[in-house]
N, C-alpha and C. Protein backbone atom coordinates (compact mmCIF):
# COMPACT_ATOMS: atom_id res chain seq x y z
N MET A 1 0.85 -1.19 0.00
CA MET A 1 0.00 0.00 0.00
C MET A 1 0.89 1.25 0.00
N GLU A 2 0.54 2.19 -0.85
CA GLU A 2 1.30 3.43 -0.93
C GLU A 2 0.94 4.36 0.25
N LYS A 3 1.87 5.30 0.54
CA LYS A 3 1.65 6.28 1.61
C LYS A 3 1.79 7.70 1.03
N THR A 4 1.08 8.64 1.64
CA THR A 4 1.23 10.04 1.21
C THR A 4 2.59 10.57 1.64
N LYS A 5 3.03 11.62 0.95
CA LYS A 5 4.40 12.12 1.12
C LYS A 5 4.67 12.69 2.52
N TYR A 6 3.74 13.48 3.04
CA TYR A 6 4.04 14.24 4.26
C TYR A 6 3.53 13.59 5.55
N TYR A 7 2.33 13.07 5.54
CA TYR A 7 1.76 12.52 6.76
C TYR A 7 1.67 10.99 6.75
N GLN A 8 2.16 10.41 5.68
CA GLN A 8 2.18 8.94 5.58
C GLN A 8 0.79 8.32 5.77
N LEU A 9 -0.18 8.95 5.11
CA LEU A 9 -1.52 8.39 5.14
C LEU A 9 -1.64 7.30 4.07
N ASN A 10 -2.54 6.40 4.32
CA ASN A 10 -2.70 5.27 3.41
C ASN A 10 -3.30 5.71 2.07
N GLN A 11 -2.76 5.13 0.99
CA GLN A 11 -3.31 5.33 -0.35
C GLN A 11 -3.52 3.94 -0.97
N TRP A 12 -4.78 3.61 -1.11
CA TRP A 12 -5.09 2.26 -1.59
C TRP A 12 -5.02 2.18 -3.11
N ALA A 13 -4.40 1.14 -3.56
CA ALA A 13 -4.44 0.81 -4.99
C ALA A 13 -5.66 -0.09 -5.24
N ALA A 14 -5.92 -0.36 -6.48
CA ALA A 14 -7.13 -1.13 -6.82
C ALA A 14 -7.14 -2.51 -6.17
N GLY A 15 -5.99 -3.10 -6.02
CA GLY A 15 -5.96 -4.46 -5.48
C GLY A 15 -5.70 -4.53 -3.99
N ASP A 16 -5.56 -3.36 -3.31
CA ASP A 16 -5.27 -3.37 -1.87
C ASP A 16 -6.52 -3.69 -1.06
N LYS A 17 -6.29 -4.39 0.03
CA LYS A 17 -7.39 -4.74 0.93
C LYS A 17 -7.68 -3.55 1.85
N VAL A 18 -8.91 -3.14 1.90
CA VAL A 18 -9.31 -2.01 2.76
C VAL A 18 -9.65 -2.54 4.15
N GLN A 19 -8.94 -1.98 5.18
CA GLN A 19 -9.17 -2.42 6.55
C GLN A 19 -9.46 -1.21 7.46
N ARG A 20 -10.32 -1.44 8.43
CA ARG A 20 -10.69 -0.36 9.36
C ARG A 20 -9.48 0.16 10.12
N ILE A 21 -8.56 -0.70 10.46
CA ILE A 21 -7.39 -0.29 11.23
C ILE A 21 -6.57 0.76 10.50
N ASP A 22 -6.56 0.67 9.16
CA ASP A 22 -5.82 1.66 8.37
C ASP A 22 -6.50 3.02 8.43
N PHE A 23 -7.85 3.00 8.37
CA PHE A 23 -8.58 4.27 8.49
C PHE A 23 -8.36 4.91 9.86
N ASN A 24 -8.40 4.07 10.90
CA ASN A 24 -8.19 4.58 12.26
C ASN A 24 -6.79 5.19 12.42
N ALA A 25 -5.82 4.53 11.83
CA ALA A 25 -4.44 5.04 11.90
C ALA A 25 -4.33 6.39 11.19
N ASP A 26 -4.97 6.47 10.01
CA ASP A 26 -4.96 7.74 9.27
C ASP A 26 -5.64 8.86 10.07
N ASN A 27 -6.81 8.51 10.65
CA ASN A 27 -7.54 9.51 11.43
C ASN A 27 -6.71 10.01 12.63
N ALA A 28 -6.00 9.10 13.26
CA ALA A 28 -5.16 9.48 14.40
C ALA A 28 -4.05 10.43 13.96
N LYS A 29 -3.45 10.14 12.80
CA LYS A 29 -2.39 11.02 12.28
C LYS A 29 -2.95 12.40 11.93
N ILE A 30 -4.13 12.41 11.29
CA ILE A 30 -4.74 13.69 10.92
C ILE A 30 -5.10 14.49 12.16
N ASP A 31 -5.68 13.80 13.16
CA ASP A 31 -6.06 14.47 14.40
C ASP A 31 -4.84 15.08 15.10
N ALA A 32 -3.75 14.31 15.16
CA ALA A 32 -2.52 14.80 15.80
C ALA A 32 -1.94 15.98 15.04
N ALA A 33 -1.97 15.89 13.70
CA ALA A 33 -1.44 16.99 12.89
C ALA A 33 -2.26 18.26 13.06
N LEU A 34 -3.59 18.10 13.08
CA LEU A 34 -4.46 19.26 13.27
C LEU A 34 -4.24 19.88 14.65
N ARG A 35 -4.09 19.00 15.66
CA ARG A 35 -3.87 19.51 17.02
C ARG A 35 -2.55 20.26 17.11
N THR A 36 -1.51 19.69 16.50
CA THR A 36 -0.20 20.36 16.51
C THR A 36 -0.28 21.72 15.82
N ASN A 37 -0.99 21.74 14.69
CA ASN A 37 -1.15 22.99 13.95
C ASN A 37 -1.93 24.02 14.76
N ALA A 38 -3.00 23.56 15.42
CA ALA A 38 -3.81 24.46 16.25
C ALA A 38 -2.99 25.02 17.40
N ASN A 39 -2.17 24.16 18.02
CA ASN A 39 -1.32 24.62 19.13
C ASN A 39 -0.31 25.66 18.64
N ALA A 40 0.25 25.41 17.45
CA ALA A 40 1.23 26.35 16.90
C ALA A 40 0.58 27.70 16.60
N ILE A 41 -0.65 27.66 16.05
CA ILE A 41 -1.36 28.91 15.76
C ILE A 41 -1.67 29.66 17.05
N ALA A 42 -2.14 28.91 18.07
CA ALA A 42 -2.45 29.54 19.36
C ALA A 42 -1.21 30.16 19.98
N ALA A 43 -0.09 29.45 19.89
CA ALA A 43 1.16 29.98 20.45
C ALA A 43 1.60 31.24 19.70
N GLU A 44 1.43 31.22 18.37
CA GLU A 44 1.79 32.39 17.56
C GLU A 44 0.91 33.59 17.90
N VAL A 45 -0.40 33.32 18.04
CA VAL A 45 -1.34 34.39 18.39
C VAL A 45 -0.99 34.96 19.77
N SER A 46 -0.70 34.07 20.72
CA SER A 46 -0.35 34.51 22.07
C SER A 46 0.92 35.34 22.07
N ALA A 47 1.92 34.88 21.31
CA ALA A 47 3.19 35.61 21.25
C ALA A 47 3.01 36.98 20.61
N ARG A 48 2.23 37.02 19.53
CA ARG A 48 2.01 38.31 18.86
C ARG A 48 1.19 39.25 19.73
N THR A 49 0.19 38.69 20.42
CA THR A 49 -0.62 39.51 21.33
C THR A 49 0.24 40.09 22.44
N ALA A 50 1.12 39.25 23.00
CA ALA A 50 2.01 39.72 24.06
C ALA A 50 2.96 40.79 23.54
N ALA A 51 3.46 40.59 22.32
CA ALA A 51 4.38 41.56 21.74
C ALA A 51 3.68 42.90 21.50
N VAL A 52 2.45 42.82 20.96
CA VAL A 52 1.69 44.05 20.73
C VAL A 52 1.38 44.75 22.05
N SER A 53 0.98 43.95 23.06
CA SER A 53 0.67 44.52 24.37
C SER A 53 1.90 45.19 24.98
N ALA A 54 3.06 44.52 24.85
CA ALA A 54 4.30 45.09 25.38
C ALA A 54 4.66 46.38 24.66
N GLU A 55 4.46 46.39 23.34
CA GLU A 55 4.77 47.60 22.57
C GLU A 55 3.83 48.74 22.94
N VAL A 56 2.54 48.42 23.11
CA VAL A 56 1.56 49.44 23.50
C VAL A 56 1.91 50.00 24.88
N THR A 57 2.25 49.09 25.81
CA THR A 57 2.62 49.52 27.16
C THR A 57 3.86 50.41 27.14
N ALA A 58 4.85 49.99 26.34
CA ALA A 58 6.09 50.78 26.24
C ALA A 58 5.81 52.15 25.65
N ARG A 59 4.95 52.19 24.63
CA ARG A 59 4.62 53.49 24.01
C ARG A 59 3.83 54.37 24.98
N GLU A 60 2.90 53.75 25.72
CA GLU A 60 2.12 54.52 26.70
C GLU A 60 3.04 55.10 27.77
N LYS A 61 4.02 54.29 28.23
CA LYS A 61 4.96 54.78 29.23
C LYS A 61 5.82 55.90 28.66
N ALA A 62 6.24 55.73 27.40
CA ALA A 62 7.06 56.77 26.77
C ALA A 62 6.28 58.06 26.61
N VAL A 63 5.01 57.93 26.19
CA VAL A 63 4.16 59.12 26.04
C VAL A 63 3.93 59.78 27.40
N SER A 64 3.66 58.95 28.42
CA SER A 64 3.44 59.48 29.77
C SER A 64 4.68 60.20 30.28
N ALA A 65 5.85 59.60 30.04
CA ALA A 65 7.10 60.23 30.48
C ALA A 65 7.33 61.54 29.74
N GLU A 66 7.01 61.55 28.45
CA GLU A 66 7.17 62.77 27.65
C GLU A 66 6.22 63.86 28.13
N VAL A 67 4.98 63.47 28.42
CA VAL A 67 4.00 64.44 28.93
C VAL A 67 4.46 65.00 30.28
N THR A 68 4.95 64.10 31.15
CA THR A 68 5.43 64.54 32.46
C THR A 68 6.61 65.50 32.32
N ALA A 69 7.54 65.14 31.43
CA ALA A 69 8.73 65.98 31.23
C ALA A 69 8.34 67.34 30.66
N ARG A 70 7.42 67.34 29.69
CA ARG A 70 7.01 68.61 29.09
C ARG A 70 6.21 69.46 30.08
N THR A 71 5.37 68.80 30.88
CA THR A 71 4.61 69.53 31.89
C THR A 71 5.54 70.18 32.90
N ALA A 72 6.57 69.41 33.31
CA ALA A 72 7.55 69.95 34.26
C ALA A 72 8.32 71.11 33.63
N ALA A 73 8.66 70.97 32.34
CA ALA A 73 9.39 72.04 31.65
C ALA A 73 8.55 73.31 31.55
N VAL A 74 7.26 73.13 31.23
CA VAL A 74 6.35 74.28 31.14
C VAL A 74 6.19 74.94 32.51
N ALA A 75 6.04 74.09 33.55
CA ALA A 75 5.89 74.63 34.91
C ALA A 75 7.14 75.40 35.33
N ALA A 76 8.32 74.84 34.97
CA ALA A 76 9.58 75.52 35.31
C ALA A 76 9.69 76.84 34.57
N LEU A 77 9.27 76.84 33.30
CA LEU A 77 9.32 78.08 32.51
C LEU A 77 8.35 79.12 33.07
N GLU A 78 7.15 78.66 33.44
CA GLU A 78 6.17 79.59 34.03
C GLU A 78 6.70 80.14 35.35
N ASP A 79 7.35 79.27 36.13
CA ASP A 79 7.90 79.70 37.41
C ASP A 79 9.00 80.74 37.20
N LYS A 80 9.74 80.59 36.08
CA LYS A 80 10.81 81.53 35.78
C LYS A 80 10.29 82.89 35.32
N THR A 81 9.14 82.88 34.68
CA THR A 81 8.66 84.11 34.05
C THR A 81 7.60 84.85 34.87
N LYS A 82 6.92 84.15 35.77
CA LYS A 82 5.84 84.83 36.49
C LYS A 82 6.40 85.66 37.65
N LEU A 83 5.58 86.59 38.11
CA LEU A 83 5.96 87.47 39.20
C LEU A 83 5.51 86.84 40.52
N HIS A 84 6.48 86.55 41.39
CA HIS A 84 6.19 85.92 42.69
C HIS A 84 6.13 86.99 43.78
N THR A 85 5.18 86.84 44.67
CA THR A 85 5.16 87.69 45.86
C THR A 85 6.07 87.06 46.91
N ILE A 86 7.12 87.77 47.28
CA ILE A 86 8.10 87.25 48.24
C ILE A 86 7.71 87.61 49.67
N LEU A 87 7.24 88.82 49.83
CA LEU A 87 6.95 89.31 51.18
C LEU A 87 5.97 90.47 51.11
N THR A 88 5.04 90.51 52.06
CA THR A 88 4.15 91.66 52.22
C THR A 88 4.15 92.06 53.69
N HIS A 89 4.41 93.33 53.93
CA HIS A 89 4.47 93.83 55.31
C HIS A 89 3.54 95.03 55.44
N TYR A 90 2.69 95.00 56.47
CA TYR A 90 1.78 96.11 56.73
C TYR A 90 2.42 97.02 57.78
N VAL A 91 2.63 98.26 57.39
CA VAL A 91 3.35 99.21 58.24
C VAL A 91 2.41 99.78 59.30
N ARG A 92 2.89 99.83 60.52
CA ARG A 92 2.08 100.37 61.62
C ARG A 92 2.20 101.89 61.69
N SER A 93 1.25 102.48 62.36
CA SER A 93 1.26 103.94 62.54
C SER A 93 2.34 104.33 63.54
N SER A 94 3.22 105.26 63.11
CA SER A 94 4.30 105.68 64.01
C SER A 94 5.02 106.87 63.41
N SER A 95 5.56 107.69 64.31
CA SER A 95 6.43 108.79 63.87
C SER A 95 7.89 108.40 64.08
N ALA A 96 8.11 107.22 64.66
CA ALA A 96 9.47 106.75 64.90
C ALA A 96 9.91 105.85 63.75
N GLN A 97 11.20 105.60 63.68
CA GLN A 97 11.70 104.73 62.62
C GLN A 97 11.24 103.29 62.85
N GLN A 98 11.06 102.58 61.75
CA GLN A 98 10.63 101.18 61.81
C GLN A 98 11.60 100.34 60.97
N SER A 99 11.83 99.13 61.43
CA SER A 99 12.72 98.22 60.71
C SER A 99 11.93 96.99 60.27
N ILE A 100 11.96 96.71 58.98
CA ILE A 100 11.24 95.56 58.43
C ILE A 100 12.24 94.46 58.12
N ASP A 101 12.01 93.30 58.69
CA ASP A 101 12.95 92.18 58.55
C ASP A 101 12.93 91.62 57.13
N LEU A 102 14.10 91.62 56.48
CA LEU A 102 14.24 91.05 55.13
C LEU A 102 15.25 89.90 55.12
N SER A 103 15.58 89.39 56.30
CA SER A 103 16.63 88.37 56.37
C SER A 103 16.23 87.05 55.71
N SER A 104 14.92 86.85 55.52
CA SER A 104 14.46 85.60 54.90
C SER A 104 14.53 85.63 53.37
N VAL A 105 14.80 86.81 52.81
CA VAL A 105 14.86 86.93 51.34
C VAL A 105 16.17 86.33 50.84
N ARG A 106 16.06 85.36 49.94
CA ARG A 106 17.25 84.73 49.35
C ARG A 106 17.54 85.41 48.01
N TRP A 107 18.37 86.43 48.05
CA TRP A 107 18.63 87.24 46.86
C TRP A 107 19.28 86.43 45.75
N SER A 108 19.98 85.37 46.11
CA SER A 108 20.66 84.54 45.10
C SER A 108 19.68 83.75 44.24
N GLN A 109 18.41 83.70 44.64
CA GLN A 109 17.40 82.95 43.89
C GLN A 109 16.66 83.81 42.87
N TRP A 110 16.97 85.11 42.84
CA TRP A 110 16.14 86.01 42.05
C TRP A 110 16.95 86.76 40.99
N ARG A 111 16.35 86.84 39.81
CA ARG A 111 16.95 87.64 38.73
C ARG A 111 16.64 89.11 38.95
N GLN A 112 15.39 89.39 39.33
CA GLN A 112 14.98 90.77 39.57
C GLN A 112 13.97 90.80 40.71
N ILE A 113 14.08 91.83 41.54
CA ILE A 113 13.15 92.01 42.65
C ILE A 113 12.61 93.43 42.61
N TYR A 114 11.30 93.54 42.81
CA TYR A 114 10.64 94.84 42.84
C TYR A 114 10.21 95.15 44.27
N LEU A 115 10.71 96.26 44.78
CA LEU A 115 10.33 96.73 46.11
C LEU A 115 9.22 97.77 45.93
N LEU A 116 8.02 97.41 46.37
CA LEU A 116 6.85 98.27 46.20
C LEU A 116 6.52 98.94 47.54
N VAL A 117 6.48 100.25 47.53
CA VAL A 117 6.27 101.02 48.76
C VAL A 117 5.06 101.93 48.58
N GLN A 118 4.13 101.84 49.51
CA GLN A 118 2.97 102.74 49.52
C GLN A 118 2.68 103.10 50.97
N LEU A 119 2.94 104.37 51.30
CA LEU A 119 2.80 104.82 52.69
C LEU A 119 1.91 106.06 52.74
N SER A 120 1.11 106.11 53.78
CA SER A 120 0.26 107.29 54.02
C SER A 120 0.66 107.91 55.36
N GLY A 121 0.37 109.18 55.48
CA GLY A 121 0.70 109.89 56.71
C GLY A 121 0.92 111.36 56.44
N THR A 122 1.92 111.91 57.12
CA THR A 122 2.24 113.33 56.98
C THR A 122 3.72 113.49 56.68
N GLY A 123 4.03 114.26 55.65
CA GLY A 123 5.43 114.56 55.34
C GLY A 123 6.05 113.55 54.40
N VAL A 124 7.29 113.19 54.72
CA VAL A 124 8.05 112.27 53.87
C VAL A 124 8.66 111.17 54.75
N CYS A 125 9.18 110.15 54.08
CA CYS A 125 9.85 109.07 54.81
C CYS A 125 11.11 108.68 54.04
N GLU A 126 12.22 108.68 54.75
CA GLU A 126 13.47 108.19 54.16
C GLU A 126 13.55 106.68 54.35
N CYS A 127 14.06 106.01 53.34
CA CYS A 127 14.10 104.54 53.37
C CYS A 127 15.50 104.07 52.99
N GLY A 128 15.91 102.98 53.58
CA GLY A 128 17.22 102.41 53.25
C GLY A 128 17.36 101.02 53.81
N PHE A 129 18.35 100.31 53.34
CA PHE A 129 18.59 98.96 53.82
C PHE A 129 19.49 98.99 55.04
N ASN A 130 19.19 98.09 55.99
CA ASN A 130 19.92 97.99 57.25
C ASN A 130 19.85 99.33 57.99
N SER A 131 20.98 99.96 58.28
CA SER A 131 20.96 101.21 59.04
C SER A 131 21.03 102.45 58.14
N MET A 132 21.10 102.24 56.82
CA MET A 132 21.19 103.36 55.89
C MET A 132 19.81 104.02 55.74
N LYS A 133 19.75 105.35 55.90
CA LYS A 133 18.46 106.04 55.91
C LYS A 133 18.12 106.71 54.59
N ASN A 134 19.07 106.94 53.74
CA ASN A 134 18.83 107.81 52.58
C ASN A 134 19.02 107.11 51.24
N PHE A 135 18.67 105.82 51.17
CA PHE A 135 18.76 105.12 49.89
C PHE A 135 17.73 105.70 48.91
N PHE A 136 16.52 105.96 49.43
CA PHE A 136 15.50 106.67 48.65
C PHE A 136 14.49 107.25 49.63
N SER A 137 13.68 108.16 49.15
CA SER A 137 12.65 108.76 50.01
C SER A 137 11.31 108.74 49.28
N VAL A 138 10.22 108.70 50.06
CA VAL A 138 8.87 108.70 49.50
C VAL A 138 8.03 109.72 50.24
N THR A 139 7.03 110.23 49.56
CA THR A 139 6.07 111.12 50.21
C THR A 139 5.00 110.27 50.89
N LEU A 140 4.53 110.75 52.03
CA LEU A 140 3.54 110.00 52.81
C LEU A 140 2.12 110.43 52.43
N ASP A 141 1.81 110.28 51.16
CA ASP A 141 0.50 110.70 50.66
C ASP A 141 -0.23 109.57 49.92
N GLY A 142 0.22 108.33 50.15
CA GLY A 142 -0.44 107.18 49.52
C GLY A 142 0.03 106.89 48.11
N GLU A 143 0.99 107.66 47.60
CA GLU A 143 1.51 107.39 46.26
C GLU A 143 2.27 106.05 46.25
N LYS A 144 2.24 105.40 45.09
CA LYS A 144 2.93 104.12 44.95
C LYS A 144 4.32 104.34 44.34
N TYR A 145 5.32 103.73 44.97
CA TYR A 145 6.69 103.78 44.48
C TYR A 145 7.16 102.35 44.20
N CYS A 146 7.99 102.22 43.19
CA CYS A 146 8.55 100.91 42.86
C CYS A 146 10.05 101.07 42.62
N ILE A 147 10.84 100.27 43.32
CA ILE A 147 12.29 100.25 43.09
C ILE A 147 12.62 98.90 42.45
N ALA A 148 13.07 98.94 41.20
CA ALA A 148 13.43 97.72 40.49
C ALA A 148 14.89 97.40 40.78
N LEU A 149 15.12 96.31 41.47
CA LEU A 149 16.46 95.86 41.83
C LEU A 149 16.82 94.63 41.00
N THR A 150 18.08 94.54 40.60
CA THR A 150 18.49 93.43 39.72
C THR A 150 19.70 92.70 40.30
N PRO A 151 19.46 91.79 41.24
CA PRO A 151 20.59 91.05 41.81
C PRO A 151 21.21 90.03 40.86
N LEU A 152 20.43 89.55 39.89
CA LEU A 152 20.93 88.57 38.91
C LEU A 152 21.58 87.37 39.59
N TYR A 153 20.95 86.91 40.67
CA TYR A 153 21.37 85.70 41.41
C TYR A 153 22.72 85.86 42.11
N ASP A 154 23.24 87.08 42.17
CA ASP A 154 24.59 87.31 42.69
C ASP A 154 24.52 88.21 43.92
N THR A 155 24.74 87.63 45.10
CA THR A 155 24.65 88.41 46.34
C THR A 155 25.84 89.33 46.55
N SER A 156 26.89 89.17 45.73
CA SER A 156 28.07 90.03 45.89
C SER A 156 27.94 91.34 45.11
N MET A 157 26.88 91.45 44.30
CA MET A 157 26.67 92.68 43.53
C MET A 157 26.23 93.81 44.46
N LYS A 158 26.70 95.02 44.16
CA LYS A 158 26.27 96.17 44.95
C LYS A 158 24.85 96.55 44.57
N ILE A 159 24.13 97.04 45.58
CA ILE A 159 22.72 97.37 45.39
C ILE A 159 22.57 98.56 44.45
N CYS A 160 21.75 98.36 43.43
CA CYS A 160 21.47 99.44 42.49
C CYS A 160 20.08 99.21 41.92
N GLY A 161 19.30 100.28 41.81
CA GLY A 161 17.95 100.10 41.31
C GLY A 161 17.41 101.36 40.68
N LEU A 162 16.27 101.18 40.02
CA LEU A 162 15.58 102.30 39.38
C LEU A 162 14.29 102.58 40.13
N LEU A 163 14.19 103.78 40.68
CA LEU A 163 12.99 104.20 41.39
C LEU A 163 12.01 104.80 40.39
N SER A 164 10.77 104.32 40.43
CA SER A 164 9.73 104.88 39.57
C SER A 164 8.49 105.14 40.41
N GLY A 165 7.62 105.97 39.89
CA GLY A 165 6.41 106.38 40.61
C GLY A 165 6.15 107.84 40.30
N PRO A 166 5.97 108.66 41.33
CA PRO A 166 5.81 110.10 41.09
C PRO A 166 7.07 110.73 40.48
N ARG A 167 8.22 110.08 40.67
CA ARG A 167 9.46 110.57 40.07
C ARG A 167 10.33 109.37 39.70
N TYR A 168 11.33 109.63 38.87
CA TYR A 168 12.24 108.58 38.43
C TYR A 168 13.66 108.97 38.81
N GLU A 169 14.38 108.01 39.36
CA GLU A 169 15.79 108.27 39.66
C GLU A 169 16.52 106.95 39.87
N LEU A 170 17.82 107.01 39.66
CA LEU A 170 18.68 105.86 39.91
C LEU A 170 19.12 105.89 41.36
N VAL A 171 18.96 104.78 42.06
CA VAL A 171 19.38 104.70 43.46
C VAL A 171 20.43 103.61 43.59
N LYS A 172 21.45 103.87 44.40
CA LYS A 172 22.52 102.88 44.54
C LYS A 172 23.15 102.98 45.93
N SER A 173 23.87 101.92 46.27
CA SER A 173 24.47 101.83 47.59
C SER A 173 25.80 101.11 47.50
N SER A 174 26.65 101.34 48.48
CA SER A 174 27.92 100.61 48.55
C SER A 174 27.73 99.22 49.14
N GLN A 175 26.54 98.95 49.70
CA GLN A 175 26.24 97.63 50.25
C GLN A 175 25.93 96.65 49.12
N THR A 176 26.07 95.37 49.42
CA THR A 176 25.72 94.33 48.45
C THR A 176 24.37 93.73 48.82
N TYR A 177 23.81 92.98 47.87
CA TYR A 177 22.53 92.32 48.15
C TYR A 177 22.67 91.32 49.29
N GLY A 178 23.83 90.72 49.41
CA GLY A 178 24.05 89.78 50.50
C GLY A 178 24.09 90.44 51.87
N ASP A 179 24.30 91.76 51.90
CA ASP A 179 24.33 92.49 53.17
C ASP A 179 22.94 92.77 53.72
N ILE A 180 21.94 92.72 52.86
CA ILE A 180 20.60 93.19 53.25
C ILE A 180 19.99 92.28 54.32
N GLN A 181 19.63 92.88 55.44
CA GLN A 181 18.94 92.18 56.52
C GLN A 181 17.59 92.82 56.84
N SER A 182 17.47 94.11 56.54
CA SER A 182 16.23 94.80 56.90
C SER A 182 16.04 96.03 56.02
N LEU A 183 14.81 96.53 56.01
CA LEU A 183 14.49 97.80 55.36
C LEU A 183 14.12 98.79 56.45
N LEU A 184 14.81 99.92 56.47
CA LEU A 184 14.58 100.93 57.50
C LEU A 184 13.66 102.03 56.96
N LEU A 185 12.59 102.32 57.69
CA LEU A 185 11.70 103.44 57.38
C LEU A 185 11.95 104.52 58.42
N TYR A 186 12.34 105.71 57.95
CA TYR A 186 12.73 106.77 58.89
C TYR A 186 12.00 108.06 58.54
N PRO A 187 10.90 108.35 59.24
CA PRO A 187 10.24 109.64 59.03
C PRO A 187 10.99 110.73 59.82
N PRO A 188 11.53 111.73 59.15
CA PRO A 188 12.25 112.78 59.88
C PRO A 188 11.31 113.61 60.75
N SER A 189 11.89 114.52 61.49
CA SER A 189 11.11 115.35 62.41
C SER A 189 9.98 116.07 61.67
N GLY A 190 8.78 115.99 62.23
CA GLY A 190 7.61 116.62 61.63
C GLY A 190 6.84 115.69 60.71
N SER A 191 7.36 114.50 60.44
CA SER A 191 6.67 113.52 59.58
C SER A 191 6.24 112.33 60.41
N SER A 192 5.19 111.68 59.98
CA SER A 192 4.73 110.46 60.66
C SER A 192 3.98 109.57 59.68
N ILE A 193 4.08 108.28 59.91
CA ILE A 193 3.41 107.28 59.07
C ILE A 193 2.12 106.87 59.75
N SER A 194 1.01 106.87 59.00
CA SER A 194 -0.25 106.41 59.56
C SER A 194 -0.56 104.97 59.15
N SER A 195 -0.17 104.59 57.95
CA SER A 195 -0.40 103.22 57.47
C SER A 195 0.38 103.01 56.18
N GLY A 196 0.39 101.78 55.73
CA GLY A 196 1.06 101.52 54.46
C GLY A 196 1.42 100.06 54.29
N THR A 197 1.93 99.75 53.12
CA THR A 197 2.37 98.38 52.83
C THR A 197 3.73 98.42 52.13
N ILE A 198 4.52 97.43 52.46
CA ILE A 198 5.79 97.18 51.78
C ILE A 198 5.69 95.79 51.17
N THR A 199 5.88 95.69 49.87
CA THR A 199 5.77 94.40 49.19
C THR A 199 7.01 94.14 48.36
N LEU A 200 7.49 92.91 48.43
CA LEU A 200 8.58 92.48 47.56
C LEU A 200 8.04 91.45 46.58
N LYS A 201 8.24 91.70 45.30
CA LYS A 201 7.87 90.75 44.26
C LYS A 201 9.12 90.44 43.44
N GLY A 202 9.20 89.23 42.93
CA GLY A 202 10.41 88.86 42.21
C GLY A 202 10.17 87.99 41.00
N VAL A 203 11.15 88.02 40.10
CA VAL A 203 11.18 87.16 38.92
C VAL A 203 12.42 86.30 39.02
N LYS A 204 12.25 84.99 38.88
CA LYS A 204 13.38 84.07 39.03
C LYS A 204 14.19 83.97 37.75
């Protein structure tokens, strides 16, 4: 009896005796071959599904990491460009000098700082850092003054700024930004402060 080329199934010639055992043997071979083929297909499908799932997961992680990185970059850029309020101090009513603590200000963290002064009362008030009284002066009539200071992250730079408001002038000192511990408000004789605010805002 002849056999097929690949699975060795029976091929009867005209004179061959047909027996049930031969059919059963062929069926067993076919069943085994089909099962092997089905297992191979299932394994291939499983492997490809796992590969696709792994690729999707990797891409999702990459996209998530990219989104996180870009969000952090945008937040850092916004933090660099926005105006931060560093300190706000409400000035009490007094005809005597007052000292406002600035020791918590980290000048090395700031590119530019704006000192905003608005005082009400009678007369004028001399202002300066630490014990210096004449860095700049303001009128006690509620006008707003702004001194733009530019430490540029360097505490060794000498204090220099542009005063704007009712008048414009360049103000400077022999002290450095690292020396600053306080802001002194000094109303001379005949002047007194009734209220006001001192605000520091900065750009990093």
